Amino acid sequence: MLERIRVKNIALIDEAEVELTKGLNILTGETGAGKSVLLGSLQLALGAKADKGMIRQGAEYAYAQLAFSLEEGQREELASFDLNLEEEDMLLLERKVYPNKSICKVNDDIVTLKTMQSIAQLLIDVHGQREHQSILKASKQEELLDKYGKEALMPYIKELEELYHTYAEEEEALQEMEQLDENALRELEFLKFEHDEIEKADLKEGEDVSLEEKYTRLVSAKKIRELVMAAGSVLQNEAGNGALSFVSFAIRQVKEGAELDKNLKEMEKQLLDAETLLQECSHDLDRYLDRFSLEEEDFAAVEERLNLINHLKDKYGREISDILQYLENCDEKIYKLENIEQTKTELKEKHEKTKKAYFRLAEQVHKIREKEAAVFIKEMEAALLDLNFEQCSFHIELTYDEANMGKRGCDTVIFQISLNPGEPFKDLSMVASGGELSRIMLAQKSVFAKKDEIGTLVFDEIDSGISGRTAWKVSEKLAVLRNRHQVICITHLPQIAAMADAHYEIEKKVLDEKTKTSICRLSEEESIREIGRLLGTDQVTETVLQNAAEMKELAEQTKQSQSKNG
């Protein structure tokens, strides 16, 4: 049940808070007082489209909050949203609208607009002029019939939607195959080339990673080998211009000189020692190269393999797994192209089976709809009779046509009505005036009231185009609804206002040169005076007040009678 509405900085409303009750909550006020603003505020908190124009002039943001008390069934339905439900079973829906954004919260948790809308659908049902018009659409009428018979229909419709989805996918695949022409051979050759290129590479998952690591090590090893070889060639090489060759030449020259001058003997000895040291160093470098087992062929193989893998990555995917997936896709395409006629035949057979299964289930759904429609018609006629449609008949034209194949079946659902005996049935859109459409909508809601778990119903424009006895009948129907639901109704009719369990007045005032809208709950005496105003006289005289009091008393008697009769 909606316990409280808080509104701030919306249009003419500076700040307002309304505590609501069980039963029938009636809101009245002069034209232009702000009734539509209050309804818009409520819808804003339920996830309706936000408009920065609704922000009160001079305010930073607009704000609306709804406080709901929850029943056990609602708590179970809300469990999937992972909400922070407080111990007192209260749920707060809040919406704050800025010029360029809006923030939605549920129990202080920020949620998406879609989540807020989904939660709201479980708690409250709002019926305004737009909803009245929607019942004229065939798609809405099918939706209403299916909603009425959901316990019997929904399992089959869900399966039907799955079959329809499969059918559509197969239909698309068949169309693609039919479009294959002389280009198929060219495509097949190209696919085979790509397939062979990848398959020949014989790729392994993770191979590129290990090769990169090995390549890094080999690059380092190659550099070390080059440095050591360069050092060895400086000491000794085949060209004879290494350090050892020059030292040997120096030794020979000094040795020859020492034969002439013994003082050179010491230098000869030093040169011989240097030669021995250089020879040992040269041998050590050779031994180091022998121990440093680097194979040029191994490096070249690793480098070549990495180049191949990187080439394939450039063409077929960033990772080896992508390349292998591409290969798998090639296999499938090649198989289809090489076996196109066989594949087409298999797909056609599968498609035909899906189609037959779909139509069998669609016929079953049609028969269930027929049964549900028959019961729905009786309940709608009874509800319309209560709303002063004394001579009318309600009908549902339910047509099955396989050419009308859709995700919910092959049915076309059209609500029809005959307002007078002997008149043919006509579509609602052809015969229903504004007042009649409002009552038809209310009749539909009263039929669904026994099935709906939604705790709160909101009606705006429900009294459009009606008056007199019909208006009283509408008020009686609202009184019936308030036995099973909390009902909130914006009205300008005294007959409906008299039936209120709680009566609120919306009033526009000018304070400090600013126009503001306020809302307050009326006492019994104030309610009678407001009903007197709604009776439409220039002055609310004692006679008018007496008529209003009598109307209020008659409404109370009606509600008490309904309570006794269950």
Protein backbone atom coordinates (compact mmCIF):
# COMPACT_ATOMS: atom_id res chain seq x y z
CA MET A 1 0.00 0.00 0.00
CA LEU A 2 1.17 3.53 -0.76
CA GLU A 3 1.55 5.13 2.66
CA ARG A 4 3.03 8.50 1.78
CA ILE A 5 3.82 10.85 -1.09
CA ARG A 6 6.48 13.54 -0.67
CA VAL A 7 7.00 16.16 -3.35
CA LYS A 8 9.47 19.04 -3.50
CA ASN A 9 10.19 21.70 -6.14
CA ILE A 10 7.89 20.26 -8.80
CA ALA A 11 6.05 22.88 -10.88
CA LEU A 12 3.87 24.91 -8.47
CA ILE A 13 4.53 22.60 -5.52
CA ASP A 14 7.15 24.03 -3.19
CA GLU A 15 7.01 21.14 -0.73
CA ALA A 16 4.14 18.82 0.12
CA GLU A 17 3.62 15.55 1.98
CA VAL A 18 0.48 13.41 1.88
CA GLU A 19 -0.31 10.51 4.20
CA LEU A 20 -2.66 8.07 2.45
CA THR A 21 -4.97 5.43 3.91
CA LYS A 22 -6.46 2.10 2.98
CA GLY A 23 -9.59 2.07 0.86
CA LEU A 24 -10.62 4.88 -1.45
CA ASN A 25 -8.46 8.05 -1.40
CA ILE A 26 -10.12 10.90 -3.33
CA LEU A 27 -8.30 14.02 -4.56
CA THR A 28 -10.28 17.05 -5.70
CA GLY A 29 -9.58 20.69 -6.44
CA GLU A 30 -10.34 23.56 -8.77
CA THR A 31 -9.26 23.28 -12.40
CA GLY A 32 -5.61 24.31 -12.60
CA ALA A 33 -4.99 23.79 -8.90
CA GLY A 34 -2.31 21.19 -9.57
CA LYS A 35 -4.01 17.78 -9.59
CA SER A 36 -2.11 16.80 -12.73
CA VAL A 37 1.13 17.99 -11.11
CA LEU A 38 0.60 15.65 -8.17
CA LEU A 39 -0.12 12.74 -10.49
CA GLY A 40 2.95 13.62 -12.55
CA SER A 41 5.04 13.68 -9.37
CA LEU A 42 3.81 10.23 -8.47
CA GLN A 43 4.60 8.91 -11.94
CA LEU A 44 8.03 10.55 -11.78
CA ALA A 45 8.90 8.49 -8.69
CA LEU A 46 7.69 5.40 -10.57
CA GLY A 47 10.17 5.93 -13.40
CA ALA A 48 8.28 8.10 -15.90
CA LYS A 49 10.21 10.29 -18.33
CA ALA A 50 11.76 13.27 -16.54
CA ASP A 51 11.58 16.78 -17.94
CA LYS A 52 13.74 19.59 -16.60
CA GLY A 53 10.74 21.88 -17.17
CA MET A 54 9.04 20.32 -14.15
CA ILE A 55 11.67 21.77 -11.79
CA ARG A 56 10.16 24.67 -9.84
CA GLN A 57 11.56 28.01 -10.96
CA GLY A 58 14.62 28.94 -8.93
CA ALA A 59 15.09 25.41 -7.54
CA GLU A 60 18.16 23.26 -8.14
CA TYR A 61 16.25 20.01 -8.56
CA ALA A 62 12.81 18.38 -8.38
CA TYR A 63 12.18 15.56 -5.90
CA ALA A 64 9.49 12.92 -5.44
CA GLN A 65 9.33 10.09 -2.90
CA LEU A 66 6.83 7.26 -2.45
CA ALA A 67 6.70 5.14 0.72
CA PHE A 68 5.10 1.70 0.39
CA SER A 69 4.21 -0.79 3.09
CA LEU A 70 4.76 -4.34 1.84
CA GLU A 71 2.82 -7.55 2.21
CA GLU A 72 4.50 -10.94 2.28
CA GLY A 73 3.64 -11.73 -1.34
CA GLN A 74 5.21 -8.47 -2.49
CA ARG A 75 8.35 -9.13 -0.45
CA GLU A 76 8.76 -12.45 -2.26
CA GLU A 77 8.32 -10.81 -5.67
CA LEU A 78 10.88 -8.13 -4.78
CA ALA A 79 13.44 -10.65 -3.52
CA SER A 80 15.06 -10.95 -6.95
CA PHE A 81 16.02 -7.25 -6.89
CA ASP A 82 18.35 -7.72 -3.88
CA LEU A 83 16.90 -4.73 -2.04
CA ASN A 84 17.62 -3.53 1.46
CA LEU A 85 14.15 -4.15 2.91
CA GLU A 86 13.84 -2.73 6.40
CA GLU A 87 12.32 -4.60 9.33
CA GLU A 88 9.17 -2.47 9.23
CA ASP A 89 8.56 -3.74 5.66
CA MET A 90 8.75 -0.25 4.13
CA LEU A 91 10.00 0.42 0.64
CA LEU A 92 11.01 3.93 -0.45
CA LEU A 93 11.12 4.92 -4.12
CA GLU A 94 12.91 8.25 -4.65
CA ARG A 95 13.67 10.27 -7.74
CA LYS A 96 15.70 13.48 -7.84
CA VAL A 97 15.70 15.31 -11.18
CA TYR A 98 18.39 17.83 -12.13
CA PRO A 99 18.45 19.80 -15.41
CA ASN A 100 20.81 17.30 -17.04
CA LYS A 101 20.33 14.07 -15.08
CA SER A 102 18.17 12.21 -12.61
CA ILE A 103 19.00 9.90 -9.70
CA CYS A 104 16.81 6.95 -8.73
CA LYS A 105 16.98 5.34 -5.30
CA VAL A 106 15.23 2.41 -3.66
CA ASN A 107 15.72 2.33 0.12
CA ASP A 108 18.78 4.60 -0.27
CA ASP A 109 20.37 2.30 -2.86
CA ILE A 110 20.98 3.93 -6.25
CA VAL A 111 19.31 1.90 -9.00
CA THR A 112 18.79 2.23 -12.75
CA LEU A 113 15.62 3.77 -14.12
CA LYS A 114 14.69 0.39 -15.62
CA THR A 115 15.00 -1.30 -12.21
CA MET A 116 12.80 1.36 -10.61
CA GLN A 117 10.17 0.88 -13.32
CA SER A 118 10.23 -2.90 -12.83
CA ILE A 119 9.79 -2.55 -9.06
CA ALA A 120 6.98 -0.01 -9.51
CA GLN A 121 5.02 -2.42 -11.71
CA LEU A 122 4.77 -4.81 -8.77
CA LEU A 123 3.46 -2.16 -6.38
CA ILE A 124 1.15 0.25 -8.18
CA ASP A 125 -0.97 0.56 -11.33
CA VAL A 126 -1.62 4.06 -12.72
CA HIS A 127 -4.49 4.69 -15.15
CA GLY A 128 -4.66 8.01 -16.92
CA GLN A 129 -5.91 9.23 -20.29
CA ARG A 130 -3.03 7.51 -22.08
CA GLU A 131 -3.96 4.14 -20.55
CA HIS A 132 -7.59 4.69 -21.55
CA GLN A 133 -6.53 5.07 -25.18
CA SER A 134 -4.19 2.09 -25.10
CA ILE A 135 -7.09 -0.33 -24.66
CA LEU A 136 -8.16 0.56 -28.21
CA LYS A 137 -5.03 -1.09 -29.66
CA ALA A 138 -5.27 -4.73 -30.78
CA SER A 139 -1.84 -5.52 -29.30
CA LYS A 140 -2.99 -4.21 -25.90
CA GLN A 141 -6.21 -6.21 -26.13
CA GLU A 142 -4.27 -9.43 -26.78
CA GLU A 143 -2.02 -8.56 -23.85
CA LEU A 144 -5.05 -8.06 -21.58
CA LEU A 145 -6.64 -11.35 -22.61
CA ASP A 146 -3.37 -13.20 -22.00
CA LYS A 147 -2.96 -11.46 -18.67
CA TYR A 148 -6.47 -12.57 -17.70
CA GLY A 149 -5.70 -16.19 -18.56
CA LYS A 150 -2.00 -16.11 -17.61
CA GLU A 151 -2.11 -19.17 -15.33
CA ALA A 152 -3.38 -21.35 -18.19
CA LEU A 153 -1.58 -19.54 -21.02
CA MET A 154 1.85 -18.38 -19.91
CA PRO A 155 3.69 -21.76 -19.90
CA TYR A 156 2.56 -22.40 -23.49
CA ILE A 157 3.26 -18.85 -24.66
CA LYS A 158 6.80 -19.04 -23.27
CA GLU A 159 7.41 -22.26 -25.22
CA LEU A 160 5.77 -20.67 -28.26
CA GLU A 161 8.16 -17.70 -28.10
CA GLU A 162 11.14 -20.08 -28.01
CA LEU A 163 9.83 -22.00 -31.05
CA TYR A 164 9.21 -18.76 -32.91
CA HIS A 165 12.75 -17.58 -32.16
CA THR A 166 14.16 -20.90 -33.46
CA TYR A 167 11.93 -20.70 -36.53
CA ALA A 168 13.15 -17.16 -37.30
CA GLU A 169 16.81 -18.20 -36.99
CA GLU A 170 16.27 -21.18 -39.32
CA GLU A 171 14.39 -18.99 -41.77
CA GLU A 172 17.30 -16.55 -41.88
CA ALA A 173 19.79 -19.40 -42.38
CA LEU A 174 17.73 -20.75 -45.28
CA GLN A 175 17.55 -17.34 -46.93
CA GLU A 176 21.33 -17.03 -46.67
CA MET A 177 21.75 -20.41 -48.34
CA GLU A 178 19.35 -19.48 -51.12
CA GLN A 179 21.46 -16.42 -51.87
CA LEU A 180 24.56 -18.53 -52.56
CA ASP A 181 25.37 -18.39 -56.30
CA GLU A 182 28.38 -18.62 -58.60
CA ASN A 183 30.41 -16.76 -56.00
CA ALA A 184 30.16 -19.84 -53.78
CA LEU A 185 32.95 -21.63 -55.71
CA ARG A 186 35.25 -18.62 -55.39
CA GLU A 187 34.46 -18.37 -51.70
CA LEU A 188 35.11 -22.09 -51.26
CA GLU A 189 38.57 -21.83 -52.86
CA PHE A 190 39.49 -18.87 -50.68
CA LEU A 191 38.25 -20.62 -47.54
CA LYS A 192 40.29 -23.71 -48.40
CA PHE A 193 43.40 -21.56 -48.87
CA GLU A 194 42.90 -19.94 -45.45
CA HIS A 195 42.10 -23.32 -43.89
CA ASP A 196 45.26 -24.94 -45.32
CA GLU A 197 47.42 -22.00 -44.27
CA ILE A 198 46.29 -22.28 -40.67
CA GLU A 199 46.16 -26.07 -40.52
CA LYS A 200 49.65 -26.37 -42.02
CA ALA A 201 50.99 -24.16 -39.24
CA ASP A 202 49.86 -26.80 -36.70
CA LEU A 203 49.44 -24.20 -33.96
CA LYS A 204 49.33 -25.08 -30.29
CA GLU A 205 47.72 -23.05 -27.51
CA GLY A 206 50.40 -21.06 -25.62
CA GLU A 207 53.06 -21.85 -28.19
CA ASP A 208 53.68 -18.20 -28.98
CA VAL A 209 54.39 -17.38 -25.34
CA SER A 210 57.05 -20.08 -24.93
CA LEU A 211 58.63 -19.18 -28.28
CA GLU A 212 58.89 -15.51 -27.32
CA GLU A 213 60.69 -16.46 -24.12
CA LYS A 214 63.09 -18.78 -25.98
CA TYR A 215 63.73 -16.16 -28.67
CA THR A 216 64.69 -13.61 -26.01
CA ARG A 217 67.25 -16.03 -24.53
CA LEU A 218 68.66 -16.90 -27.96
CA VAL A 219 69.02 -13.24 -28.93
CA SER A 220 71.17 -12.72 -25.79
CA ALA A 221 73.23 -15.82 -26.50
CA LYS A 222 73.88 -14.74 -30.03
CA LYS A 223 75.18 -11.38 -28.87
CA ILE A 224 77.57 -12.99 -26.35
CA ARG A 225 78.90 -15.37 -29.03
CA GLU A 226 79.52 -12.44 -31.36
CA LEU A 227 81.48 -10.57 -28.67
CA VAL A 228 83.65 -13.57 -27.72
CA MET A 229 84.37 -14.42 -31.35
CA ALA A 230 85.36 -10.79 -32.00
CA ALA A 231 87.75 -10.91 -29.05
CA GLY A 232 89.27 -14.22 -30.28
CA SER A 233 89.75 -12.91 -33.81
CA VAL A 234 91.66 -9.94 -32.44
CA LEU A 235 94.07 -12.33 -30.70
CA GLN A 236 94.44 -14.80 -33.57
CA ASN A 237 92.93 -15.16 -37.03
CA GLU A 238 93.63 -16.79 -40.38
CA ALA A 239 94.66 -13.51 -41.97
CA GLY A 240 97.64 -13.39 -39.63
CA ASN A 241 96.99 -9.91 -38.36
CA GLY A 242 95.96 -10.87 -34.84
CA ALA A 243 97.74 -9.82 -31.63
CA LEU A 244 99.59 -13.17 -31.35
CA SER A 245 101.02 -12.81 -34.86
CA PHE A 246 102.31 -9.34 -34.06
CA VAL A 247 103.78 -10.50 -30.72
CA SER A 248 105.53 -13.44 -32.48
CA PHE A 249 106.97 -11.00 -35.02
CA ALA A 250 108.18 -8.78 -32.18
CA ILE A 251 109.79 -11.78 -30.42
CA ARG A 252 111.73 -12.69 -33.57
CA GLN A 253 112.96 -9.16 -34.00
CA VAL A 254 114.03 -8.77 -30.38
CA LYS A 255 115.63 -12.23 -30.35
CA GLU A 256 117.74 -11.30 -33.35
CA GLY A 257 118.71 -8.04 -31.64
CA ALA A 258 119.59 -9.89 -28.39
CA GLU A 259 122.26 -11.83 -30.30
CA LEU A 260 123.88 -8.49 -30.92
CA ASP A 261 123.09 -6.93 -27.52
CA LYS A 262 122.57 -9.08 -24.43
CA ASN A 263 120.64 -6.27 -22.78
CA LEU A 264 117.65 -7.21 -24.99
CA LYS A 265 117.45 -10.69 -23.46
CA GLU A 266 115.16 -9.48 -20.65
CA MET A 267 112.82 -7.89 -23.19
CA GLU A 268 112.80 -11.11 -25.19
CA LYS A 269 111.77 -13.00 -22.05
CA GLN A 270 108.94 -10.53 -21.35
CA LEU A 271 107.65 -10.88 -24.88
CA LEU A 272 107.72 -14.66 -24.62
CA ASP A 273 105.70 -14.46 -21.39
CA ALA A 274 103.19 -12.15 -23.10
CA GLU A 275 102.92 -14.58 -26.02
CA THR A 276 102.22 -17.47 -23.62
CA LEU A 277 99.57 -15.42 -21.79
CA LEU A 278 97.86 -14.40 -25.05
CA GLN A 279 97.90 -18.01 -26.30
CA GLU A 280 96.28 -19.20 -23.06
CA CYS A 281 93.65 -16.46 -23.33
CA SER A 282 92.92 -17.39 -26.96
CA HIS A 283 92.56 -21.07 -26.01
CA ASP A 284 90.24 -20.10 -23.11
CA LEU A 285 88.00 -18.12 -25.49
CA ASP A 286 87.84 -21.11 -27.84
CA ARG A 287 86.94 -23.43 -24.97
CA TYR A 288 84.24 -20.91 -23.80
CA LEU A 289 82.69 -20.95 -27.28
CA ASP A 290 82.76 -24.75 -27.31
CA ARG A 291 80.97 -24.86 -23.95
CA PHE A 292 78.51 -22.14 -25.03
CA SER A 293 76.37 -24.44 -27.16
CA LEU A 294 74.55 -22.11 -29.49
CA GLU A 295 73.12 -23.53 -32.67
CA GLU A 296 72.43 -21.00 -35.42
CA GLU A 297 69.85 -23.37 -36.89
CA ASP A 298 67.83 -23.38 -33.62
CA PHE A 299 67.72 -19.57 -33.52
CA ALA A 300 66.65 -19.37 -37.15
CA ALA A 301 63.91 -21.95 -36.57
CA VAL A 302 62.51 -20.06 -33.58
CA GLU A 303 62.61 -16.77 -35.45
CA GLU A 304 60.92 -18.28 -38.49
CA ARG A 305 58.20 -19.88 -36.36
CA LEU A 306 57.46 -16.63 -34.56
CA ASN A 307 57.25 -14.78 -37.87
CA LEU A 308 54.72 -17.32 -39.12
CA ILE A 309 52.57 -17.07 -35.98
CA ASN A 310 52.61 -13.26 -36.07
CA HIS A 311 51.66 -13.32 -39.73
CA LEU A 312 48.66 -15.53 -38.94
CA LYS A 313 47.71 -13.25 -36.05
CA ASP A 314 47.66 -10.26 -38.41
CA LYS A 315 45.20 -12.11 -40.66
CA TYR A 316 43.02 -14.21 -38.38
CA GLY A 317 43.09 -13.00 -34.77
CA ARG A 318 45.07 -11.47 -31.95
CA GLU A 319 45.55 -14.76 -30.09
CA ILE A 320 46.24 -18.35 -31.16
CA SER A 321 42.83 -19.26 -29.73
CA ASP A 322 41.25 -16.75 -32.15
CA ILE A 323 43.12 -18.31 -35.08
CA LEU A 324 42.02 -21.81 -34.07
CA GLN A 325 38.41 -20.59 -33.76
CA TYR A 326 38.70 -19.10 -37.23
CA LEU A 327 39.92 -22.49 -38.47
CA GLU A 328 36.89 -24.16 -36.90
CA ASN A 329 34.58 -21.64 -38.57
CA CYS A 330 36.32 -22.34 -41.89
CA ASP A 331 35.61 -26.04 -41.43
CA GLU A 332 31.91 -25.35 -40.95
CA LYS A 333 31.68 -23.00 -43.93
CA ILE A 334 33.63 -25.37 -46.18
CA TYR A 335 31.38 -28.24 -45.14
CA LYS A 336 28.28 -26.20 -45.92
CA LEU A 337 29.62 -25.06 -49.29
CA GLU A 338 30.80 -28.55 -50.27
CA ASN A 339 27.55 -30.08 -49.07
CA ILE A 340 25.26 -27.17 -49.79
CA GLU A 341 22.42 -29.20 -51.23
CA GLN A 342 22.53 -31.76 -48.44
CA THR A 343 22.78 -29.00 -45.81
CA LYS A 344 19.90 -27.14 -47.39
CA THR A 345 17.76 -30.27 -47.39
CA GLU A 346 18.58 -31.01 -43.73
CA LEU A 347 17.85 -27.43 -42.72
CA LYS A 348 14.55 -27.43 -44.62
CA GLU A 349 13.49 -30.64 -42.87
CA LYS A 350 14.44 -29.21 -39.48
CA HIS A 351 12.68 -25.94 -40.32
CA GLU A 352 9.52 -27.79 -41.30
CA LYS A 353 9.52 -29.71 -38.01
CA THR A 354 9.90 -26.47 -36.07
CA LYS A 355 7.07 -24.92 -38.08
CA LYS A 356 4.72 -27.85 -37.44
CA ALA A 357 5.56 -27.85 -33.73
CA TYR A 358 4.94 -24.10 -33.61
CA PHE A 359 1.53 -24.32 -35.30
CA ARG A 360 0.46 -27.26 -33.12
CA LEU A 361 1.25 -25.19 -30.05
CA ALA A 362 -0.28 -22.03 -31.57
CA GLU A 363 -3.56 -23.91 -32.13
CA GLN A 364 -3.45 -25.13 -28.55
CA VAL A 365 -2.91 -21.56 -27.34
CA HIS A 366 -5.81 -20.43 -29.53
CA LYS A 367 -8.15 -22.96 -27.91
CA ILE A 368 -7.08 -21.89 -24.42
CA ARG A 369 -7.63 -18.25 -25.39
CA GLU A 370 -11.13 -19.14 -26.59
CA LYS A 371 -11.98 -20.65 -23.20
CA GLU A 372 -10.47 -17.74 -21.28
CA ALA A 373 -12.18 -15.24 -23.59
CA ALA A 374 -15.59 -16.79 -22.91
CA VAL A 375 -15.16 -16.32 -19.15
CA PHE A 376 -13.65 -12.87 -19.60
CA ILE A 377 -16.64 -11.78 -21.72
CA LYS A 378 -19.11 -12.82 -19.00
CA GLU A 379 -17.17 -11.00 -16.29
CA MET A 380 -16.79 -7.89 -18.44
CA GLU A 381 -20.53 -7.81 -19.22
CA ALA A 382 -21.35 -8.11 -15.51
CA ALA A 383 -18.90 -5.32 -14.70
CA LEU A 384 -20.29 -3.11 -17.49
CA LEU A 385 -23.81 -3.70 -16.24
CA ASP A 386 -22.72 -2.40 -12.84
CA LEU A 387 -21.41 0.71 -14.60
CA ASN A 388 -24.78 1.58 -16.18
CA PHE A 389 -24.22 -0.21 -19.51
CA GLU A 390 -27.62 -1.81 -19.09
CA GLN A 391 -28.25 -2.94 -22.66
CA CYS A 392 -24.74 -3.55 -23.92
CA SER A 393 -23.00 -6.78 -24.89
CA PHE A 394 -19.27 -7.37 -24.86
CA HIS A 395 -17.50 -9.62 -27.35
CA ILE A 396 -13.96 -10.71 -28.22
CA GLU A 397 -13.30 -11.49 -31.85
CA LEU A 398 -10.55 -14.10 -31.76
CA THR A 399 -9.22 -14.99 -35.20
CA TYR A 400 -6.63 -17.69 -35.90
CA ASP A 401 -4.59 -17.26 -39.08
CA GLU A 402 -1.27 -18.99 -39.77
CA ALA A 403 -0.30 -16.03 -41.94
CA ASN A 404 -0.41 -13.96 -38.74
CA MET A 405 2.48 -15.92 -37.24
CA GLY A 406 4.11 -14.12 -34.32
CA LYS A 407 6.01 -14.84 -31.13
CA ARG A 408 2.74 -15.14 -29.14
CA GLY A 409 0.86 -17.21 -31.72
CA CYS A 410 -1.34 -16.68 -34.76
CA ASP A 411 -4.28 -14.96 -33.09
CA THR A 412 -5.74 -11.53 -33.67
CA VAL A 413 -7.65 -10.28 -30.62
CA ILE A 414 -10.19 -7.48 -31.02
CA PHE A 415 -12.47 -6.23 -28.23
CA GLN A 416 -15.94 -5.36 -29.51
CA ILE A 417 -19.08 -3.96 -27.97
CA SER A 418 -22.75 -3.52 -28.83
CA LEU A 419 -24.22 -0.64 -26.84
CA ASN A 420 -27.86 -1.38 -27.68
CA PRO A 421 -29.90 -4.55 -28.35
CA GLY A 422 -29.98 -5.46 -32.03
CA GLU A 423 -26.89 -3.43 -32.92
CA PRO A 424 -23.97 -5.34 -34.43
CA PHE A 425 -20.72 -5.66 -32.52
CA LYS A 426 -18.18 -2.98 -33.41
CA ASP A 427 -14.58 -2.39 -32.42
CA LEU A 428 -14.16 -0.28 -29.27
CA SER A 429 -12.39 2.42 -31.26
CA MET A 430 -15.46 2.87 -33.46
CA VAL A 431 -18.15 3.26 -30.79
CA ALA A 432 -16.66 4.24 -27.44
CA SER A 433 -16.98 7.88 -26.40
CA GLY A 434 -14.71 9.38 -23.73
CA GLY A 435 -17.14 8.55 -20.91
CA GLU A 436 -17.84 5.07 -22.23
CA LEU A 437 -14.15 4.35 -22.64
CA SER A 438 -13.48 5.41 -19.05
CA ARG A 439 -16.14 3.02 -17.80
CA ILE A 440 -14.90 0.19 -20.02
CA MET A 441 -11.44 0.72 -18.59
CA LEU A 442 -12.83 0.67 -15.07
CA ALA A 443 -14.81 -2.48 -15.85
CA GLN A 444 -11.63 -4.14 -17.09
CA LYS A 445 -9.81 -3.13 -13.90
CA SER A 446 -12.62 -4.49 -11.72
CA VAL A 447 -12.42 -7.82 -13.54
CA PHE A 448 -8.66 -7.96 -12.99
CA ALA A 449 -8.97 -6.85 -9.37
CA LYS A 450 -9.61 -10.43 -8.28
CA LYS A 451 -6.46 -11.61 -10.03
CA ASP A 452 -4.04 -8.70 -9.52
CA GLU A 453 -1.65 -8.75 -6.58
CA ILE A 454 -0.87 -5.06 -7.08
CA GLY A 455 -1.80 -3.26 -3.89
CA THR A 456 -2.49 0.27 -5.18
CA LEU A 457 -4.60 1.47 -8.12
CA VAL A 458 -4.49 5.09 -9.29
CA PHE A 459 -7.22 6.56 -11.53
CA ASP A 460 -7.15 9.87 -13.34
CA GLU A 461 -9.79 10.93 -15.88
CA ILE A 462 -11.91 7.93 -14.84
CA ASP A 463 -14.90 10.28 -14.66
CA SER A 464 -14.33 11.79 -18.11
CA GLY A 465 -17.60 12.39 -19.95
CA ILE A 466 -19.95 10.96 -17.31
CA SER A 467 -22.48 12.41 -14.88
CA GLY A 468 -25.70 11.67 -13.01
CA ARG A 469 -26.60 8.04 -12.37
CA THR A 470 -23.66 6.79 -14.40
CA ALA A 471 -21.30 8.76 -12.17
CA TRP A 472 -22.86 7.12 -9.12
CA LYS A 473 -22.39 3.69 -10.69
CA VAL A 474 -18.73 4.49 -11.29
CA SER A 475 -18.35 5.53 -7.65
CA GLU A 476 -19.95 2.25 -6.54
CA LYS A 477 -17.49 0.29 -8.70
CA LEU A 478 -14.57 2.20 -7.17
CA ALA A 479 -16.00 1.35 -3.76
CA VAL A 480 -15.95 -2.33 -4.74
CA LEU A 481 -12.33 -2.06 -5.83
CA ARG A 482 -11.33 -0.44 -2.53
CA ASN A 483 -12.34 -3.64 -0.70
CA ARG A 484 -9.41 -5.48 -2.32
CA HIS A 485 -7.04 -2.65 -3.22
CA GLN A 486 -5.97 0.76 -2.10
CA VAL A 487 -7.53 3.13 -4.64
CA ILE A 488 -6.37 6.69 -5.36
CA CYS A 489 -8.67 8.70 -7.62
CA ILE A 490 -8.46 12.25 -8.95
CA THR A 491 -11.99 13.45 -9.76
CA HIS A 492 -14.25 16.45 -10.24
CA LEU A 493 -17.52 14.57 -9.65
CA PRO A 494 -19.35 14.85 -6.29
CA GLN A 495 -20.74 11.31 -6.65
CA ILE A 496 -17.23 9.87 -6.65
CA ALA A 497 -15.89 12.24 -4.01
CA ALA A 498 -18.75 11.24 -1.65
CA MET A 499 -17.51 7.64 -1.68
CA ALA A 500 -14.10 8.60 -0.25
CA ASP A 501 -12.61 6.92 2.79
CA ALA A 502 -10.12 9.79 2.83
CA HIS A 503 -10.72 13.06 1.00
CA TYR A 504 -7.89 15.43 0.00
CA GLU A 505 -8.12 18.89 -1.49
CA ILE A 506 -5.51 20.28 -3.85
CA GLU A 507 -5.44 24.05 -3.68
CA LYS A 508 -3.48 26.80 -5.42
CA LYS A 509 -2.61 29.92 -3.44
CA VAL A 510 -0.51 33.06 -3.89
CA LEU A 511 1.87 33.58 -0.97
CA ASP A 512 4.58 36.26 -0.91
CA GLU A 513 3.86 36.98 -4.58
CA LYS A 514 4.52 33.33 -5.46
CA THR A 515 1.94 30.82 -6.65
CA LYS A 516 2.09 27.55 -4.72
CA THR A 517 0.06 24.35 -4.72
CA SER A 518 -0.74 22.61 -1.45
CA ILE A 519 -2.63 19.46 -0.52
CA CYS A 520 -4.34 18.58 2.73
CA ARG A 521 -6.70 15.96 4.06
CA LEU A 522 -10.22 17.21 4.73
CA SER A 523 -12.25 16.61 7.84
CA GLU A 524 -15.79 15.25 7.52
CA GLU A 525 -17.24 18.74 7.56
CA GLU A 526 -14.67 20.03 5.08
CA SER A 527 -15.30 17.08 2.79
CA ILE A 528 -19.03 17.84 2.72
CA ARG A 529 -18.29 21.47 1.85
CA GLU A 530 -15.94 20.36 -0.98
CA ILE A 531 -18.62 17.97 -2.30
CA GLY A 532 -21.01 20.92 -2.20
CA ARG A 533 -18.58 22.91 -4.35
CA LEU A 534 -18.36 20.02 -6.79
CA LEU A 535 -22.15 20.07 -7.14
CA GLY A 536 -21.54 23.15 -9.26
CA THR A 537 -23.47 26.01 -7.65
CA ASP A 538 -22.16 29.55 -7.44
CA GLN A 539 -22.57 29.56 -3.69
CA VAL A 540 -22.33 26.69 -1.23
CA THR A 541 -25.65 27.28 0.56
CA GLU A 542 -27.14 25.32 3.42
CA THR A 543 -29.32 23.48 0.91
CA VAL A 544 -26.24 22.53 -1.13
CA LEU A 545 -24.45 21.36 2.03
CA GLN A 546 -27.52 19.30 2.96
CA ASN A 547 -27.47 17.66 -0.49
CA ALA A 548 -23.75 16.98 -0.11
CA ALA A 549 -24.27 15.45 3.35
CA GLU A 550 -27.06 13.23 2.04
CA MET A 551 -24.83 12.10 -0.83
CA LYS A 552 -22.06 11.34 1.67
CA GLU A 553 -24.46 9.40 3.90
CA LEU A 554 -25.79 7.41 0.95
CA ALA A 555 -22.20 6.55 -0.03
CA GLU A 556 -21.49 5.29 3.49
CA GLN A 557 -24.58 3.10 3.36
CA THR A 558 -23.44 1.70 0.02
CA LYS A 559 -19.99 0.82 1.38
CA GLN A 560 -21.46 -0.81 4.50
CA SER A 561 -23.82 -2.87 2.35
CA GLN A 562 -20.92 -4.02 0.18
CA SER A 563 -18.91 -5.02 3.26
CA LYS A 564 -21.81 -7.13 4.58
CA ASN A 565 -22.26 -8.82 1.20
CA GLY A 566 -18.54 -9.56 1.00
